[in-house]
Amino acid sequence: MNFMKNIHFLVSNTLNQQIEEVLLRLGINSKSEFFRMLALEYIKTNKIVSVSRSAESQPKLTIKEKMMLSTLETKAKSIDDLVIETGLPVSEITALLVQLLLKNRVTQTGVYWNLQENFRT
């Protein structure tokens, strides 16, 4: 099992480095800047007036989104941590985090993802 974790670590680090290189070539300085740009583009193209909503008016969450939120319940985690804990591929975790970011349910600080403060239990 330790061997598989090492392989996963090497693969995810390589992917992260490649992603960062592509973003830099596009003039984007960080992943968090990319996610902010992505969220703003989504808001603009879908004519969303306000991302900030009360808990009662939040969009419905999928089962996987709920699972991701429960995984983030205890502390902030990196995508690598989430891959290990959930067993989901990096691409799916990234997509879930973007959806949750757009729903204003998570925040990102550096490489760590956390629950939005007003949704913490």
PDB file of N, CA and C in Angstrom:
ATOM      1  N   MET A   1       0.819  -1.192   0.000  1.00  0.00           N
ATOM      2  CA  MET A   1       0.000   0.000   0.000  1.00  0.00           C
ATOM      3  C   MET A   1       0.865   1.258   0.000  1.00  0.00           C
ATOM      4  N   ASN A   2       1.968   1.242   0.741  1.00  0.00           N
ATOM      5  CA  ASN A   2       2.867   2.380   0.794  1.00  0.00           C
ATOM      6  C   ASN A   2       3.433   2.678  -0.600  1.00  0.00           C
ATOM      7  N   PHE A   3       3.721   1.640  -1.359  1.00  0.00           N
ATOM      8  CA  PHE A   3       4.218   1.792  -2.727  1.00  0.00           C
ATOM      9  C   PHE A   3       3.210   2.561  -3.572  1.00  0.00           C
ATOM     10  N   MET A   4       1.938   2.221  -3.454  1.00  0.00           N
ATOM     11  CA  MET A   4       0.896   2.896  -4.234  1.00  0.00           C
ATOM     12  C   MET A   4       0.776   4.366  -3.830  1.00  0.00           C
ATOM     13  N   LYS A   5       0.908   4.653  -2.541  1.00  0.00           N
ATOM     14  CA  LYS A   5       0.858   6.046  -2.093  1.00  0.00           C
ATOM     15  C   LYS A   5       2.022   6.831  -2.692  1.00  0.00           C
ATOM     16  N   ASN A   6       3.206   6.192  -2.741  1.00  0.00           N
ATOM     17  CA  ASN A   6       4.376   6.864  -3.330  1.00  0.00           C
ATOM     18  C   ASN A   6       4.164   7.123  -4.815  1.00  0.00           C
ATOM     19  N   ILE A   7       3.606   6.145  -5.525  1.00  0.00           N
ATOM     20  CA  ILE A   7       3.318   6.316  -6.955  1.00  0.00           C
ATOM     21  C   ILE A   7       2.317   7.447  -7.134  1.00  0.00           C
ATOM     22  N   HIS A   8       1.254   7.424  -6.336  1.00  0.00           N
ATOM     23  CA  HIS A   8       0.235   8.475  -6.421  1.00  0.00           C
ATOM     24  C   HIS A   8       0.847   9.838  -6.155  1.00  0.00           C
ATOM     25  N   PHE A   9       1.705   9.918  -5.144  1.00  0.00           N
ATOM     26  CA  PHE A   9       2.357  11.181  -4.796  1.00  0.00           C
ATOM     27  C   PHE A   9       3.188  11.698  -5.975  1.00  0.00           C
ATOM     28  N   LEU A  10       3.969  10.816  -6.597  1.00  0.00           N
ATOM     29  CA  LEU A  10       4.798  11.227  -7.735  1.00  0.00           C
ATOM     30  C   LEU A  10       3.948  11.695  -8.911  1.00  0.00           C
ATOM     31  N   VAL A  11       2.900  10.943  -9.216  1.00  0.00           N
ATOM     32  CA  VAL A  11       2.024  11.302 -10.336  1.00  0.00           C
ATOM     33  C   VAL A  11       1.323  12.629 -10.069  1.00  0.00           C
ATOM     34  N   SER A  12       0.769  12.790  -8.873  1.00  0.00           N
ATOM     35  CA  SER A  12       0.041  14.025  -8.584  1.00  0.00           C
ATOM     36  C   SER A  12       0.978  15.230  -8.546  1.00  0.00           C
ATOM     37  N   ASN A  13       2.200  15.052  -8.029  1.00  0.00           N
ATOM     38  CA  ASN A  13       3.161  16.161  -8.040  1.00  0.00           C
ATOM     39  C   ASN A  13       3.532  16.550  -9.459  1.00  0.00           C
ATOM     40  N   THR A  14       3.731  15.550 -10.320  1.00  0.00           N
ATOM     41  CA  THR A  14       4.049  15.825 -11.717  1.00  0.00           C
ATOM     42  C   THR A  14       2.901  16.551 -12.385  1.00  0.00           C
ATOM     43  N   LEU A  15       1.655  16.092 -12.153  1.00  0.00           N
ATOM     44  CA  LEU A  15       0.484  16.759 -12.726  1.00  0.00           C
ATOM     45  C   LEU A  15       0.367  18.187 -12.219  1.00  0.00           C
ATOM     46  N   ASN A  16       0.580  18.380 -10.923  1.00  0.00           N
ATOM     47  CA  ASN A  16       0.500  19.726 -10.354  1.00  0.00           C
ATOM     48  C   ASN A  16       1.535  20.652 -10.978  1.00  0.00           C
ATOM     49  N   GLN A  17       2.758  20.147 -11.179  1.00  0.00           N
ATOM     50  CA  GLN A  17       3.810  20.964 -11.798  1.00  0.00           C
ATOM     51  C   GLN A  17       3.445  21.298 -13.236  1.00  0.00           C
ATOM     52  N   GLN A  18       2.905  20.319 -13.980  1.00  0.00           N
ATOM     53  CA  GLN A  18       2.505  20.573 -15.362  1.00  0.00           C
ATOM     54  C   GLN A  18       1.376  21.592 -15.428  1.00  0.00           C
ATOM     55  N   ILE A  19       0.416  21.476 -14.526  1.00  0.00           N
ATOM     56  CA  ILE A  19      -0.704  22.423 -14.492  1.00  0.00           C
ATOM     57  C   ILE A  19      -0.180  23.830 -14.214  1.00  0.00           C
ATOM     58  N   GLU A  20       0.713  23.946 -13.231  1.00  0.00           N
ATOM     59  CA  GLU A  20       1.263  25.255 -12.888  1.00  0.00           C
ATOM     60  C   GLU A  20       2.045  25.852 -14.051  1.00  0.00           C
ATOM     61  N   GLU A  21       2.794  25.020 -14.799  1.00  0.00           N
ATOM     62  CA  GLU A  21       3.539  25.511 -15.964  1.00  0.00           C
ATOM     63  C   GLU A  21       2.589  26.026 -17.042  1.00  0.00           C
ATOM     64  N   VAL A  22       1.516  25.293 -17.303  1.00  0.00           N
ATOM     65  CA  VAL A  22       0.540  25.726 -18.305  1.00  0.00           C
ATOM     66  C   VAL A  22      -0.106  27.040 -17.877  1.00  0.00           C
ATOM     67  N   LEU A  23      -0.503  27.138 -16.609  1.00  0.00           N
ATOM     68  CA  LEU A  23      -1.123  28.367 -16.118  1.00  0.00           C
ATOM     69  C   LEU A  23      -0.179  29.554 -16.245  1.00  0.00           C
ATOM     70  N   LEU A  24       1.109  29.346 -15.911  1.00  0.00           N
ATOM     71  CA  LEU A  24       2.082  30.434 -16.039  1.00  0.00           C
ATOM     72  C   LEU A  24       2.231  30.870 -17.492  1.00  0.00           C
ATOM     73  N   ARG A  25       2.228  29.913 -18.418  1.00  0.00           N
ATOM     74  CA  ARG A  25       2.318  30.252 -19.851  1.00  0.00           C
ATOM     75  C   ARG A  25       1.104  31.050 -20.312  1.00  0.00           C
ATOM     76  N   LEU A  26      -0.020  30.824 -19.652  1.00  0.00           N
ATOM     77  CA  LEU A  26      -1.232  31.574 -19.978  1.00  0.00           C
ATOM     78  C   LEU A  26      -1.290  32.917 -19.247  1.00  0.00           C
ATOM     79  N   GLY A  27      -0.277  33.189 -18.423  1.00  0.00           N
ATOM     80  CA  GLY A  27      -0.249  34.444 -17.687  1.00  0.00           C
ATOM     81  C   GLY A  27      -1.033  34.410 -16.393  1.00  0.00           C
ATOM     82  N   ILE A  28      -1.347  33.212 -15.919  1.00  0.00           N
ATOM     83  CA  ILE A  28      -2.093  33.046 -14.672  1.00  0.00           C
ATOM     84  C   ILE A  28      -1.094  32.608 -13.605  1.00  0.00           C
ATOM     85  N   ASN A  29      -0.991  33.368 -12.528  1.00  0.00           N
ATOM     86  CA  ASN A  29       0.076  33.163 -11.548  1.00  0.00           C
ATOM     87  C   ASN A  29      -0.150  32.034 -10.547  1.00  0.00           C
ATOM     88  N   SER A  30      -1.388  31.595 -10.359  1.00  0.00           N
ATOM     89  CA  SER A  30      -1.636  30.544  -9.370  1.00  0.00           C
ATOM     90  C   SER A  30      -2.930  29.804  -9.699  1.00  0.00           C
ATOM     91  N   LYS A  31      -3.077  28.636  -9.092  1.00  0.00           N
ATOM     92  CA  LYS A  31      -4.311  27.874  -9.277  1.00  0.00           C
ATOM     93  C   LYS A  31      -5.497  28.619  -8.688  1.00  0.00           C
ATOM     94  N   SER A  32      -5.280  29.280  -7.546  1.00  0.00           N
ATOM     95  CA  SER A  32      -6.400  30.005  -6.937  1.00  0.00           C
ATOM     96  C   SER A  32      -6.846  31.155  -7.840  1.00  0.00           C
ATOM     97  N   GLU A  33      -5.896  31.815  -8.510  1.00  0.00           N
ATOM     98  CA  GLU A  33      -6.264  32.863  -9.471  1.00  0.00           C
ATOM     99  C   GLU A  33      -7.061  32.260 -10.629  1.00  0.00           C
ATOM    100  N   PHE A  34      -6.648  31.071 -11.085  1.00  0.00           N
ATOM    101  CA  PHE A  34      -7.364  30.378 -12.166  1.00  0.00           C
ATOM    102  C   PHE A  34      -8.799  30.066 -11.745  1.00  0.00           C
ATOM    103  N   PHE A  35      -8.975  29.544 -10.522  1.00  0.00           N
ATOM    104  CA  PHE A  35     -10.318  29.199 -10.062  1.00  0.00           C
ATOM    105  C   PHE A  35     -11.188  30.445  -9.909  1.00  0.00           C
ATOM    106  N   ARG A  36     -10.596  31.541  -9.446  1.00  0.00           N
ATOM    107  CA  ARG A  36     -11.347  32.797  -9.363  1.00  0.00           C
ATOM    108  C   ARG A  36     -11.783  33.257 -10.753  1.00  0.00           C
ATOM    109  N   MET A  37     -10.850  33.169 -11.730  1.00  0.00           N
ATOM    110  CA  MET A  37     -11.174  33.572 -13.105  1.00  0.00           C
ATOM    111  C   MET A  37     -12.269  32.672 -13.669  1.00  0.00           C
ATOM    112  N   LEU A  38     -12.159  31.374 -13.403  1.00  0.00           N
ATOM    113  CA  LEU A  38     -13.150  30.419 -13.874  1.00  0.00           C
ATOM    114  C   LEU A  38     -14.520  30.720 -13.268  1.00  0.00           C
ATOM    115  N   ALA A  39     -14.531  31.000 -11.976  1.00  0.00           N
ATOM    116  CA  ALA A  39     -15.790  31.323 -11.306  1.00  0.00           C
ATOM    117  C   ALA A  39     -16.392  32.605 -11.873  1.00  0.00           C
ATOM    118  N   LEU A  40     -15.558  33.627 -12.085  1.00  0.00           N
ATOM    119  CA  LEU A  40     -16.061  34.885 -12.641  1.00  0.00           C
ATOM    120  C   LEU A  40     -16.608  34.691 -14.053  1.00  0.00           C
ATOM    121  N   GLU A  41     -15.928  33.876 -14.845  1.00  0.00           N
ATOM    122  CA  GLU A  41     -16.407  33.604 -16.204  1.00  0.00           C
ATOM    123  C   GLU A  41     -17.742  32.863 -16.162  1.00  0.00           C
ATOM    124  N   TYR A  42     -17.863  31.921 -15.248  1.00  0.00           N
ATOM    125  CA  TYR A  42     -19.112  31.181 -15.089  1.00  0.00           C
ATOM    126  C   TYR A  42     -20.244  32.131 -14.699  1.00  0.00           C
ATOM    127  N   ILE A  43     -19.945  32.999 -13.749  1.00  0.00           N
ATOM    128  CA  ILE A  43     -20.947  33.970 -13.290  1.00  0.00           C
ATOM    129  C   ILE A  43     -21.358  34.877 -14.448  1.00  0.00           C
ATOM    130  N   LYS A  44     -20.369  35.351 -15.209  1.00  0.00           N
ATOM    131  CA  LYS A  44     -20.643  36.257 -16.323  1.00  0.00           C
ATOM    132  C   LYS A  44     -21.462  35.566 -17.414  1.00  0.00           C
ATOM    133  N   THR A  45     -21.068  34.349 -17.788  1.00  0.00           N
ATOM    134  CA  THR A  45     -21.771  33.664 -18.881  1.00  0.00           C
ATOM    135  C   THR A  45     -23.148  33.163 -18.479  1.00  0.00           C
ATOM    136  N   ASN A  46     -23.349  32.926 -17.201  1.00  0.00           N
ATOM    137  CA  ASN A  46     -24.650  32.461 -16.736  1.00  0.00           C
ATOM    138  C   ASN A  46     -25.471  33.578 -16.117  1.00  0.00           C
ATOM    139  N   LYS A  47     -24.978  34.804 -16.230  1.00  0.00           N
ATOM    140  CA  LYS A  47     -25.685  35.999 -15.754  1.00  0.00           C
ATOM    141  C   LYS A  47     -26.126  35.876 -14.297  1.00  0.00           C
ATOM    142  N   ILE A  48     -25.220  35.367 -13.483  1.00  0.00           N
ATOM    143  CA  ILE A  48     -25.500  35.257 -12.054  1.00  0.00           C
ATOM    144  C   ILE A  48     -25.212  36.613 -11.418  1.00  0.00           C
ATOM    145  N   VAL A  49     -26.164  37.135 -10.694  1.00  0.00           N
ATOM    146  CA  VAL A  49     -26.025  38.463 -10.106  1.00  0.00           C
ATOM    147  C   VAL A  49     -25.192  38.400  -8.832  1.00  0.00           C
ATOM    148  N   SER A  50     -25.440  37.406  -7.991  1.00  0.00           N
ATOM    149  CA  SER A  50     -24.740  37.337  -6.717  1.00  0.00           C
ATOM    150  C   SER A  50     -24.358  35.900  -6.406  1.00  0.00           C
ATOM    151  N   VAL A  51     -23.091  35.707  -6.044  1.00  0.00           N
ATOM    152  CA  VAL A  51     -22.631  34.381  -5.635  1.00  0.00           C
ATOM    153  C   VAL A  51     -22.917  34.172  -4.158  1.00  0.00           C
ATOM    154  N   SER A  52     -22.982  35.251  -3.422  1.00  0.00           N
ATOM    155  CA  SER A  52     -23.206  35.187  -1.988  1.00  0.00           C
ATOM    156  C   SER A  52     -24.696  34.972  -1.712  1.00  0.00           C
ATOM    157  N   ARG A  53     -25.004  33.839  -1.071  1.00  0.00           N
ATOM    158  CA  ARG A  53     -26.398  33.504  -0.764  1.00  0.00           C
ATOM    159  C   ARG A  53     -26.502  32.976   0.653  1.00  0.00           C
ATOM    160  N   SER A  54     -27.669  33.038   1.189  1.00  0.00           N
ATOM    161  CA  SER A  54     -27.871  32.454   2.516  1.00  0.00           C
ATOM    162  C   SER A  54     -27.905  30.938   2.385  1.00  0.00           C
ATOM    163  N   ALA A  55     -27.704  30.252   3.493  1.00  0.00           N
ATOM    164  CA  ALA A  55     -27.683  28.787   3.491  1.00  0.00           C
ATOM    165  C   ALA A  55     -28.997  28.215   2.982  1.00  0.00           C
ATOM    166  N   GLU A  56     -30.111  28.898   3.262  1.00  0.00           N
ATOM    167  CA  GLU A  56     -31.415  28.377   2.859  1.00  0.00           C
ATOM    168  C   GLU A  56     -31.605  28.423   1.339  1.00  0.00           C
ATOM    169  N   SER A  57     -31.002  29.396   0.674  1.00  0.00           N
ATOM    170  CA  SER A  57     -31.219  29.535  -0.770  1.00  0.00           C
ATOM    171  C   SER A  57     -30.099  28.921  -1.602  1.00  0.00           C
ATOM    172  N   GLN A  58     -29.218  28.156  -0.960  1.00  0.00           N
ATOM    173  CA  GLN A  58     -28.116  27.530  -1.685  1.00  0.00           C
ATOM    174  C   GLN A  58     -28.631  26.494  -2.686  1.00  0.00           C
ATOM    175  N   PRO A  59     -27.956  26.367  -3.829  1.00  0.00           N
ATOM    176  CA  PRO A  59     -28.338  25.330  -4.787  1.00  0.00           C
ATOM    177  C   PRO A  59     -28.203  23.939  -4.158  1.00  0.00           C
ATOM    178  N   LYS A  60     -28.988  23.021  -4.662  1.00  0.00           N
ATOM    179  CA  LYS A  60     -28.933  21.643  -4.167  1.00  0.00           C
ATOM    180  C   LYS A  60     -27.557  21.057  -4.434  1.00  0.00           C
ATOM    181  N   LEU A  61     -27.095  20.227  -3.502  1.00  0.00           N
ATOM    182  CA  LEU A  61     -25.801  19.579  -3.637  1.00  0.00           C
ATOM    183  C   LEU A  61     -25.974  18.145  -4.099  1.00  0.00           C
ATOM    184  N   THR A  62     -25.029  17.690  -4.921  1.00  0.00           N
ATOM    185  CA  THR A  62     -25.035  16.286  -5.332  1.00  0.00           C
ATOM    186  C   THR A  62     -24.488  15.439  -4.189  1.00  0.00           C
ATOM    187  N   ILE A  63     -24.636  14.148  -4.304  1.00  0.00           N
ATOM    188  CA  ILE A  63     -24.124  13.234  -3.277  1.00  0.00           C
ATOM    189  C   ILE A  63     -22.609  13.378  -3.156  1.00  0.00           C
ATOM    190  N   LYS A  64     -21.917  13.473  -4.294  1.00  0.00           N
ATOM    191  CA  LYS A  64     -20.457  13.610  -4.251  1.00  0.00           C
ATOM    192  C   LYS A  64     -20.029  14.949  -3.664  1.00  0.00           C
ATOM    193  N   GLU A  65     -20.791  16.006  -3.933  1.00  0.00           N
ATOM    194  CA  GLU A  65     -20.479  17.304  -3.328  1.00  0.00           C
ATOM    195  C   GLU A  65     -20.643  17.239  -1.814  1.00  0.00           C
ATOM    196  N   LYS A  66     -21.706  16.568  -1.363  1.00  0.00           N
ATOM    197  CA  LYS A  66     -21.921  16.411   0.080  1.00  0.00           C
ATOM    198  C   LYS A  66     -20.783  15.609   0.706  1.00  0.00           C
ATOM    199  N   MET A  67     -20.326  14.559  -0.010  1.00  0.00           N
ATOM    200  CA  MET A  67     -19.216  13.747   0.478  1.00  0.00           C
ATOM    201  C   MET A  67     -17.949  14.607   0.593  1.00  0.00           C
ATOM    202  N   MET A  68     -17.710  15.454  -0.410  1.00  0.00           N
ATOM    203  CA  MET A  68     -16.527  16.316  -0.398  1.00  0.00           C
ATOM    204  C   MET A  68     -16.591  17.290   0.772  1.00  0.00           C
ATOM    205  N   LEU A  69     -17.768  17.860   1.023  1.00  0.00           N
ATOM    206  CA  LEU A  69     -17.926  18.781   2.148  1.00  0.00           C
ATOM    207  C   LEU A  69     -17.691  18.074   3.482  1.00  0.00           C
ATOM    208  N   SER A  70     -18.183  16.845   3.599  1.00  0.00           N
ATOM    209  CA  SER A  70     -17.975  16.123   4.859  1.00  0.00           C
ATOM    210  C   SER A  70     -16.503  15.770   5.041  1.00  0.00           C
ATOM    211  N   THR A  71     -15.788  15.555   3.946  1.00  0.00           N
ATOM    212  CA  THR A  71     -14.351  15.275   4.021  1.00  0.00           C
ATOM    213  C   THR A  71     -13.590  16.512   4.488  1.00  0.00           C
ATOM    214  N   LEU A  72     -14.083  17.689   4.123  1.00  0.00           N
ATOM    215  CA  LEU A  72     -13.430  18.943   4.522  1.00  0.00           C
ATOM    216  C   LEU A  72     -13.898  19.441   5.889  1.00  0.00           C
ATOM    217  N   GLU A  73     -14.813  18.721   6.516  1.00  0.00           N
ATOM    218  CA  GLU A  73     -15.423  19.156   7.771  1.00  0.00           C
ATOM    219  C   GLU A  73     -14.411  19.376   8.895  1.00  0.00           C
ATOM    220  N   THR A  74     -13.408  18.508   9.000  1.00  0.00           N
ATOM    221  CA  THR A  74     -12.494  18.568  10.143  1.00  0.00           C
ATOM    222  C   THR A  74     -11.381  19.593   9.983  1.00  0.00           C
ATOM    223  N   LYS A  75     -10.827  19.717   8.770  1.00  0.00           N
ATOM    224  CA  LYS A  75      -9.731  20.669   8.559  1.00  0.00           C
ATOM    225  C   LYS A  75      -9.530  20.900   7.066  1.00  0.00           C
ATOM    226  N   ALA A  76      -8.773  21.939   6.743  1.00  0.00           N
ATOM    227  CA  ALA A  76      -8.442  22.230   5.352  1.00  0.00           C
ATOM    228  C   ALA A  76      -7.559  21.111   4.804  1.00  0.00           C
ATOM    229  N   LYS A  77      -7.764  20.786   3.513  1.00  0.00           N
ATOM    230  CA  LYS A  77      -7.018  19.693   2.907  1.00  0.00           C
ATOM    231  C   LYS A  77      -6.593  20.055   1.494  1.00  0.00           C
ATOM    232  N   SER A  78      -5.484  19.466   1.079  1.00  0.00           N
ATOM    233  CA  SER A  78      -5.005  19.657  -0.287  1.00  0.00           C
ATOM    234  C   SER A  78      -5.715  18.659  -1.207  1.00  0.00           C
ATOM    235  N   ILE A  79      -5.579  18.864  -2.495  1.00  0.00           N
ATOM    236  CA  ILE A  79      -6.168  17.918  -3.446  1.00  0.00           C
ATOM    237  C   ILE A  79      -5.561  16.534  -3.244  1.00  0.00           C
ATOM    238  N   ASP A  80      -4.255  16.465  -2.950  1.00  0.00           N
ATOM    239  CA  ASP A  80      -3.617  15.174  -2.684  1.00  0.00           C
ATOM    240  C   ASP A  80      -4.275  14.474  -1.501  1.00  0.00           C
ATOM    241  N   ASP A  81      -4.533  15.224  -0.426  1.00  0.00           N
ATOM    242  CA  ASP A  81      -5.208  14.650   0.748  1.00  0.00           C
ATOM    243  C   ASP A  81      -6.581  14.106   0.358  1.00  0.00           C
ATOM    244  N   LEU A  82      -7.304  14.884  -0.462  1.00  0.00           N
ATOM    245  CA  LEU A  82      -8.654  14.488  -0.863  1.00  0.00           C
ATOM    246  C   LEU A  82      -8.640  13.244  -1.754  1.00  0.00           C
ATOM    247  N   VAL A  83      -7.641  13.125  -2.621  1.00  0.00           N
ATOM    248  CA  VAL A  83      -7.513  11.928  -3.467  1.00  0.00           C
ATOM    249  C   VAL A  83      -7.317  10.698  -2.594  1.00  0.00           C
ATOM    250  N   ILE A  84      -6.433  10.821  -1.615  1.00  0.00           N
ATOM    251  CA  ILE A  84      -6.151   9.684  -0.728  1.00  0.00           C
ATOM    252  C   ILE A  84      -7.379   9.315   0.101  1.00  0.00           C
ATOM    253  N   GLU A  85      -8.067  10.325   0.634  1.00  0.00           N
ATOM    254  CA  GLU A  85      -9.218  10.058   1.507  1.00  0.00           C
ATOM    255  C   GLU A  85     -10.452   9.573   0.762  1.00  0.00           C
ATOM    256  N   THR A  86     -10.681  10.091  -0.447  1.00  0.00           N
ATOM    257  CA  THR A  86     -11.912   9.744  -1.161  1.00  0.00           C
ATOM    258  C   THR A  86     -11.730   8.638  -2.183  1.00  0.00           C
ATOM    259  N   GLY A  87     -10.514   8.495  -2.696  1.00  0.00           N
ATOM    260  CA  GLY A  87     -10.278   7.512  -3.754  1.00  0.00           C
ATOM    261  C   GLY A  87     -10.712   7.997  -5.127  1.00  0.00           C
ATOM    262  N   LEU A  88     -11.163   9.248  -5.213  1.00  0.00           N
ATOM    263  CA  LEU A  88     -11.589   9.814  -6.496  1.00  0.00           C
ATOM    264  C   LEU A  88     -10.379  10.321  -7.265  1.00  0.00           C
ATOM    265  N   PRO A  89     -10.457  10.346  -8.595  1.00  0.00           N
ATOM    266  CA  PRO A  89      -9.338  10.882  -9.380  1.00  0.00           C
ATOM    267  C   PRO A  89      -9.223  12.402  -9.227  1.00  0.00           C
ATOM    268  N   VAL A  90      -8.021  12.917  -9.470  1.00  0.00           N
ATOM    269  CA  VAL A  90      -7.741  14.349  -9.340  1.00  0.00           C
ATOM    270  C   VAL A  90      -8.720  15.172 -10.169  1.00  0.00           C
ATOM    271  N   SER A  91      -9.003  14.735 -11.382  1.00  0.00           N
ATOM    272  CA  SER A  91      -9.894  15.502 -12.264  1.00  0.00           C
ATOM    273  C   SER A  91     -11.292  15.637 -11.671  1.00  0.00           C
ATOM    274  N   GLU A  92     -11.795  14.577 -11.057  1.00  0.00           N
ATOM    275  CA  GLU A  92     -13.130  14.628 -10.472  1.00  0.00           C
ATOM    276  C   GLU A  92     -13.153  15.500  -9.209  1.00  0.00           C
ATOM    277  N   ILE A  93     -12.098  15.391  -8.410  1.00  0.00           N
ATOM    278  CA  ILE A  93     -12.009  16.217  -7.202  1.00  0.00           C
ATOM    279  C   ILE A  93     -11.933  17.692  -7.586  1.00  0.00           C
ATOM    280  N   THR A  94     -11.124  18.002  -8.589  1.00  0.00           N
ATOM    281  CA  THR A  94     -10.997  19.389  -9.043  1.00  0.00           C
ATOM    282  C   THR A  94     -12.340  19.912  -9.533  1.00  0.00           C
ATOM    283  N   ALA A  95     -13.058  19.104 -10.304  1.00  0.00           N
ATOM    284  CA  ALA A  95     -14.375  19.518 -10.803  1.00  0.00           C
ATOM    285  C   ALA A  95     -15.346  19.748  -9.644  1.00  0.00           C
ATOM    286  N   LEU A  96     -15.334  18.853  -8.657  1.00  0.00           N
ATOM    287  CA  LEU A  96     -16.217  19.019  -7.490  1.00  0.00           C
ATOM    288  C   LEU A  96     -15.873  20.291  -6.720  1.00  0.00           C
ATOM    289  N   LEU A  97     -14.581  20.547  -6.535  1.00  0.00           N
ATOM    290  CA  LEU A  97     -14.171  21.740  -5.798  1.00  0.00           C
ATOM    291  C   LEU A  97     -14.570  23.015  -6.537  1.00  0.00           C
ATOM    292  N   VAL A  98     -14.463  23.014  -7.859  1.00  0.00           N
ATOM    293  CA  VAL A  98     -14.887  24.186  -8.641  1.00  0.00           C
ATOM    294  C   VAL A  98     -16.389  24.398  -8.483  1.00  0.00           C
ATOM    295  N   GLN A  99     -17.170  23.318  -8.564  1.00  0.00           N
ATOM    296  CA  GLN A  99     -18.614  23.438  -8.381  1.00  0.00           C
ATOM    297  C   GLN A  99     -18.945  23.977  -6.994  1.00  0.00           C
ATOM    298  N   LEU A 100     -18.253  23.473  -5.981  1.00  0.00           N
ATOM    299  CA  LEU A 100     -18.493  23.936  -4.607  1.00  0.00           C
ATOM    300  C   LEU A 100     -18.023  25.375  -4.416  1.00  0.00           C
ATOM    301  N   LEU A 101     -16.968  25.758  -5.112  1.00  0.00           N
ATOM    302  CA  LEU A 101     -16.503  27.144  -5.080  1.00  0.00           C
ATOM    303  C   LEU A 101     -17.549  28.057  -5.701  1.00  0.00           C
ATOM    304  N   LEU A 102     -18.116  27.625  -6.823  1.00  0.00           N
ATOM    305  CA  LEU A 102     -19.155  28.412  -7.481  1.00  0.00           C
ATOM    306  C   LEU A 102     -20.422  28.502  -6.645  1.00  0.00           C
ATOM    307  N   LYS A 103     -20.659  27.486  -5.828  1.00  0.00           N
ATOM    308  CA  LYS A 103     -21.823  27.490  -4.938  1.00  0.00           C
ATOM    309  C   LYS A 103     -21.501  28.170  -3.606  1.00  0.00           C
ATOM    310  N   ASN A 104     -20.287  28.728  -3.534  1.00  0.00           N
ATOM    311  CA  ASN A 104     -19.855  29.473  -2.354  1.00  0.00           C
ATOM    312  C   ASN A 104     -19.828  28.605  -1.094  1.00  0.00           C
ATOM    313  N   ARG A 105     -19.457  27.348  -1.251  1.00  0.00           N
ATOM    314  CA  ARG A 105     -19.417  26.420  -0.113  1.00  0.00           C
ATOM    315  C   ARG A 105     -18.000  26.134   0.370  1.00  0.00           C
ATOM    316  N   VAL A 106     -16.974  26.415  -0.453  1.00  0.00           N
ATOM    317  CA  VAL A 106     -15.587  26.183  -0.065  1.00  0.00           C
ATOM    318  C   VAL A 106     -14.742  27.402  -0.415  1.00  0.00           C
ATOM    319  N   THR A 107     -13.579  27.464   0.216  1.00  0.00           N
ATOM    320  CA  THR A 107     -12.592  28.484  -0.105  1.00  0.00           C
ATOM    321  C   THR A 107     -11.260  27.797  -0.338  1.00  0.00           C
ATOM    322  N   GLN A 108     -10.348  28.519  -0.992  1.00  0.00           N
ATOM    323  CA  GLN A 108      -9.016  27.978  -1.210  1.00  0.00           C
ATOM    324  C   GLN A 108      -7.990  28.965  -0.694  1.00  0.00           C
ATOM    325  N   THR A 109      -7.042  28.447   0.084  1.00  0.00           N
ATOM    326  CA  THR A 109      -5.920  29.235   0.563  1.00  0.00           C
ATOM    327  C   THR A 109      -4.661  28.472   0.189  1.00  0.00           C
ATOM    328  N   GLY A 110      -3.950  28.973  -0.797  1.00  0.00           N
ATOM    329  CA  GLY A 110      -2.776  28.247  -1.292  1.00  0.00           C
ATOM    330  C   GLY A 110      -3.226  26.938  -1.915  1.00  0.00           C
ATOM    331  N   VAL A 111      -2.666  25.831  -1.430  1.00  0.00           N
ATOM    332  CA  VAL A 111      -3.047  24.512  -1.955  1.00  0.00           C
ATOM    333  C   VAL A 111      -4.143  23.859  -1.124  1.00  0.00           C
ATOM    334  N   TYR A 112      -4.596  24.542  -0.071  1.00  0.00           N
ATOM    335  CA  TYR A 112      -5.579  23.950   0.835  1.00  0.00           C
ATOM    336  C   TYR A 112      -6.993  24.450   0.568  1.00  0.00           C
ATOM    337  N   TRP A 113      -7.935  23.507   0.646  1.00  0.00           N
ATOM    338  CA  TRP A 113      -9.356  23.787   0.474  1.00  0.00           C
ATOM    339  C   TRP A 113     -10.032  23.642   1.818  1.00  0.00           C
ATOM    340  N   ASN A 114     -11.000  24.520   2.072  1.00  0.00           N
ATOM    341  CA  ASN A 114     -11.670  24.540   3.367  1.00  0.00           C
ATOM    342  C   ASN A 114     -13.140  24.847   3.168  1.00  0.00           C
ATOM    343  N   LEU A 115     -13.948  24.509   4.162  1.00  0.00           N
ATOM    344  CA  LEU A 115     -15.364  24.884   4.116  1.00  0.00           C
ATOM    345  C   LEU A 115     -15.503  26.388   4.286  1.00  0.00           C
ATOM    346  N   GLN A 116     -16.469  26.953   3.619  1.00  0.00           N
ATOM    347  CA  GLN A 116     -16.818  28.360   3.819  1.00  0.00           C
ATOM    348  C   GLN A 116     -17.245  28.508   5.277  1.00  0.00           C
ATOM    349  N   GLU A 117     -16.779  29.515   5.962  1.00  0.00           N
ATOM    350  CA  GLU A 117     -17.032  29.670   7.405  1.00  0.00           C
ATOM    351  C   GLU A 117     -18.505  29.588   7.787  1.00  0.00           C
ATOM    352  N   ASN A 118     -19.396  30.190   7.004  1.00  0.00           N
ATOM    353  CA  ASN A 118     -20.818  30.195   7.394  1.00  0.00           C
ATOM    354  C   ASN A 118     -21.482  28.828   7.207  1.00  0.00           C
ATOM    355  N   PHE A 119     -20.758  27.831   6.665  1.00  0.00           N
ATOM    356  CA  PHE A 119     -21.320  26.491   6.516  1.00  0.00           C
ATOM    357  C   PHE A 119     -20.668  25.477   7.441  1.00  0.00           C
ATOM    358  N   ARG A 120     -19.749  25.945   8.273  1.00  0.00           N
ATOM    359  CA  ARG A 120     -19.066  25.059   9.211  1.00  0.00           C
ATOM    360  C   ARG A 120     -20.001  24.749  10.365  1.00  0.00           C
ATOM    361  N   THR A 121     -20.007  23.470  10.772  1.00  0.00           N
ATOM    362  CA  THR A 121     -20.892  23.074  11.881  1.00  0.00           C
ATOM    363  C   THR A 121     -20.212  23.207  13.217  1.00  0.00           C
TER     364      THR A 121
END
